[in-house]
Protein backbone atom coordinates (compact mmCIF):
# COMPACT_ATOMS: atom_id res chain seq x y z
CA MET A 1 -37.98 -28.35 -41.63
CA THR A 2 -37.99 -26.93 -45.13
CA ASP A 3 -40.72 -24.58 -46.31
CA PRO A 4 -41.88 -24.46 -49.94
CA PHE A 5 -40.29 -21.45 -51.62
CA GLU A 6 -43.72 -19.93 -52.26
CA ALA A 7 -44.01 -19.46 -48.48
CA LEU A 8 -40.86 -17.31 -48.46
CA ALA A 9 -40.96 -15.67 -51.90
CA GLU A 10 -42.75 -12.44 -50.97
CA ASP A 11 -40.58 -11.75 -47.90
CA PHE A 12 -37.45 -12.88 -49.77
CA LEU A 13 -38.01 -10.44 -52.63
CA ALA A 14 -39.08 -7.62 -50.28
CA ILE A 15 -36.05 -7.90 -47.99
CA THR A 16 -33.47 -8.34 -50.76
CA ALA A 17 -34.96 -5.38 -52.65
CA ASP A 18 -35.05 -3.24 -49.50
CA VAL A 19 -31.46 -3.98 -48.48
CA VAL A 20 -30.11 -4.00 -52.08
CA TYR A 21 -26.44 -4.69 -51.21
CA CYS A 22 -25.37 -7.93 -49.59
CA THR A 23 -22.19 -9.51 -48.33
CA VAL A 24 -21.08 -12.28 -50.67
CA THR A 25 -18.56 -14.80 -49.43
CA THR A 26 -16.46 -17.02 -51.67
CA VAL A 27 -13.94 -19.67 -50.62
CA ASP A 28 -10.51 -20.22 -52.13
CA GLY A 29 -8.91 -23.54 -53.04
CA ALA A 30 -7.48 -23.85 -49.50
CA GLY A 31 -10.90 -23.34 -47.87
CA ARG A 32 -10.31 -19.73 -46.77
CA PRO A 33 -13.31 -17.38 -47.05
CA ARG A 34 -13.31 -13.88 -48.49
CA SER A 35 -16.27 -11.51 -48.35
CA ARG A 36 -17.18 -8.55 -50.51
CA ILE A 37 -20.21 -6.33 -51.05
CA MET A 38 -22.30 -7.03 -54.15
CA HIS A 39 -25.57 -5.86 -55.65
CA PRO A 40 -27.51 -8.87 -56.97
CA VAL A 41 -31.02 -8.76 -58.35
CA PHE A 42 -33.08 -11.81 -57.42
CA GLU A 43 -36.23 -12.98 -59.15
CA VAL A 44 -38.50 -16.00 -58.97
CA VAL A 45 -38.57 -18.21 -62.05
CA ASP A 46 -40.65 -21.39 -62.20
CA GLY A 47 -41.26 -21.15 -58.46
CA ARG A 48 -37.56 -20.96 -57.57
CA PRO A 49 -35.25 -18.07 -56.73
CA ARG A 50 -32.61 -17.00 -59.24
CA GLY A 51 -30.14 -14.17 -58.92
CA TRP A 52 -27.92 -12.08 -61.12
CA ALA A 53 -24.99 -9.82 -60.35
CA VAL A 54 -22.89 -7.64 -62.59
CA THR A 55 -19.48 -7.67 -60.99
CA ASP A 56 -15.78 -7.29 -61.52
CA ARG A 57 -14.17 -10.47 -62.79
CA SER A 58 -11.20 -9.92 -60.51
CA PRO A 59 -8.39 -12.50 -60.38
CA VAL A 60 -9.27 -13.38 -56.76
CA LYS A 61 -12.99 -13.86 -57.41
CA THR A 62 -12.27 -15.80 -60.60
CA ARG A 63 -9.85 -18.15 -58.82
CA HIS A 64 -12.25 -18.64 -55.91
CA LEU A 65 -15.20 -19.49 -58.16
CA ALA A 66 -13.05 -21.83 -60.24
CA ALA A 67 -11.99 -23.69 -57.07
CA ASN A 68 -15.42 -23.61 -55.42
CA PRO A 69 -18.49 -22.24 -57.24
CA PHE A 70 -20.59 -22.03 -54.06
CA VAL A 71 -21.14 -18.62 -52.45
CA CYS A 72 -23.15 -17.22 -49.58
CA CYS A 73 -25.12 -13.97 -49.95
CA SER A 74 -26.04 -12.39 -46.63
CA TYR A 75 -28.59 -9.58 -46.29
CA TRP A 76 -29.23 -7.66 -43.08
CA SER A 77 -31.48 -4.65 -42.69
CA PRO A 78 -31.31 -2.11 -39.84
CA ALA A 79 -34.79 -3.36 -38.94
CA HIS A 80 -33.07 -6.74 -38.26
CA ASN A 81 -34.65 -8.64 -41.13
CA THR A 82 -32.17 -11.18 -42.49
CA VAL A 83 -31.90 -13.34 -45.56
CA THR A 84 -29.10 -15.79 -46.25
CA VAL A 85 -28.89 -17.22 -49.76
CA ASP A 86 -26.53 -20.13 -50.46
CA CYS A 87 -25.93 -20.30 -54.20
CA GLU A 88 -23.94 -21.80 -56.98
CA ALA A 89 -22.30 -18.94 -58.91
CA ARG A 90 -21.36 -19.20 -62.58
CA TRP A 91 -20.07 -16.57 -64.98
CA VAL A 92 -22.46 -15.83 -67.85
CA GLU A 93 -20.75 -16.29 -71.21
CA ASP A 94 -23.54 -16.30 -73.81
CA ASP A 95 -24.85 -13.09 -75.37
CA ASP A 96 -28.56 -13.94 -74.96
CA THR A 97 -28.22 -14.29 -71.20
CA LYS A 98 -25.95 -11.25 -70.98
CA GLN A 99 -28.66 -9.26 -72.77
CA TYR A 100 -31.27 -10.61 -70.34
CA VAL A 101 -29.17 -9.43 -67.38
CA TRP A 102 -28.56 -6.05 -69.04
CA ASP A 103 -32.31 -5.58 -69.54
CA LEU A 104 -33.07 -6.73 -65.99
CA PHE A 105 -30.68 -4.23 -64.41
CA ARG A 106 -31.82 -1.45 -66.78
CA ASP A 107 -35.57 -2.08 -66.37
CA THR A 108 -35.77 -2.85 -62.63
CA PRO A 109 -36.51 0.42 -60.81
CA PRO A 110 -33.67 1.87 -58.70
CA PRO A 111 -32.27 1.36 -56.18
CA LEU A 112 -32.43 -2.38 -56.92
CA GLY A 113 -32.05 -1.87 -60.65
CA TRP A 114 -29.51 0.51 -62.08
CA GLY A 115 -31.53 2.28 -64.74
CA ASP A 116 -28.41 4.02 -66.04
CA LEU A 117 -25.86 1.64 -67.51
CA ALA A 118 -23.88 4.43 -69.20
CA ALA A 119 -20.62 3.13 -67.72
CA TYR A 120 -20.90 0.20 -70.15
CA GLU A 121 -21.65 2.28 -73.26
CA PRO A 122 -21.17 2.15 -76.16
CA GLU A 123 -20.21 -1.56 -76.12
CA ARG A 124 -23.06 -2.55 -73.77
CA ILE A 125 -22.94 -6.36 -73.19
CA ALA A 126 -19.63 -6.55 -75.09
CA HIS A 127 -17.98 -4.05 -72.71
CA PRO A 128 -14.81 -5.59 -71.23
CA LEU A 129 -16.06 -4.91 -67.67
CA PHE A 130 -19.62 -6.24 -68.10
CA HIS A 131 -19.45 -9.61 -66.32
CA PRO A 132 -22.77 -11.10 -65.24
CA LEU A 133 -22.78 -13.79 -62.61
CA ARG A 134 -25.70 -16.24 -62.36
CA LEU A 135 -26.64 -17.11 -58.79
CA THR A 136 -28.59 -20.35 -58.48
CA PRO A 137 -29.81 -20.66 -54.88
CA TRP A 138 -29.92 -24.08 -53.29
CA ARG A 139 -30.84 -22.82 -49.81
CA VAL A 140 -32.60 -19.69 -48.53
CA GLN A 141 -32.98 -18.83 -44.86
CA LEU A 142 -35.15 -15.90 -43.79
CA LEU A 143 -35.86 -14.36 -40.40
CA ARG A 144 -38.01 -11.28 -39.87
CA ALA A 145 -37.60 -8.92 -36.93
CA GLU A 146 -41.30 -9.34 -36.05
CA GLN A 147 -40.69 -13.05 -35.44
CA MET A 148 -37.79 -12.33 -33.11
CA MET A 149 -39.77 -9.64 -31.25
CA ALA A 150 -42.45 -12.29 -30.67
CA GLY A 151 -39.82 -14.69 -29.29
CA ASP A 152 -39.65 -16.87 -32.43
CA PHE A 153 -36.02 -17.26 -33.45
CA SER A 154 -36.65 -20.11 -35.90
CA PRO A 155 -35.83 -18.99 -39.42
CA ARG A 156 -37.93 -20.07 -42.35
CA THR A 157 -35.77 -22.19 -44.63
CA TRP A 158 -36.11 -23.44 -48.18
CA ARG A 159 -33.82 -26.01 -49.80
CA ALA A 160 -33.80 -26.95 -53.44
CA VAL A 161 -34.65 -30.48 -54.38
CA PRO A 162 -31.68 -31.38 -56.59
CA SER A 163 -32.23 -32.75 -60.06
CA THR A 164 -30.16 -35.76 -61.06
CA ALA A 165 -27.78 -33.42 -62.93
CA GLN A 166 -27.37 -30.99 -60.05
CA GLN A 167 -25.03 -31.68 -57.16
CA LEU A 168 -25.64 -29.58 -54.09
CA PRO A 169 -23.00 -29.13 -51.44
CA PRO A 170 -23.49 -30.98 -48.17
CA SER A 171 -25.25 -28.92 -45.53
CA THR A 172 -25.58 -29.41 -41.84
CA ALA A 173 -27.98 -26.51 -41.34
């Protein structure tokens, strides 16, 4: 059963902000996964989750996303709260969106936001290492430790309703 995102939004934002770093898994053209640690900032826009990451545009990550733009972001807290976010990931190319991401990371309080973006000065969004990645979730699964302690191991799950222009990957879960 799929919950409306509003039913998960508060816990989703709280857990992702508490954990900050997540494991992000990409898949290469041969179907082999590779995981890395990333620091996305998620927000809710028009009732749906949306994420942003500023990351290295490494050759491996670039090849993986070109072959398969779908990624999995996995959050786990020592309290055993978990969030899994299945997303489509796309590099941000336009300056208006790059500026939006810059402002989001600068203005969101640490540790989720960065506050200090001095590493990208003086070029700011034109810096050769400033590479925003847009994360468009199509599935969110959330399980709180309190549920498990009460014997409820059923995660709350949200799935996007695809528009006619959006193709979501097949999912069995």
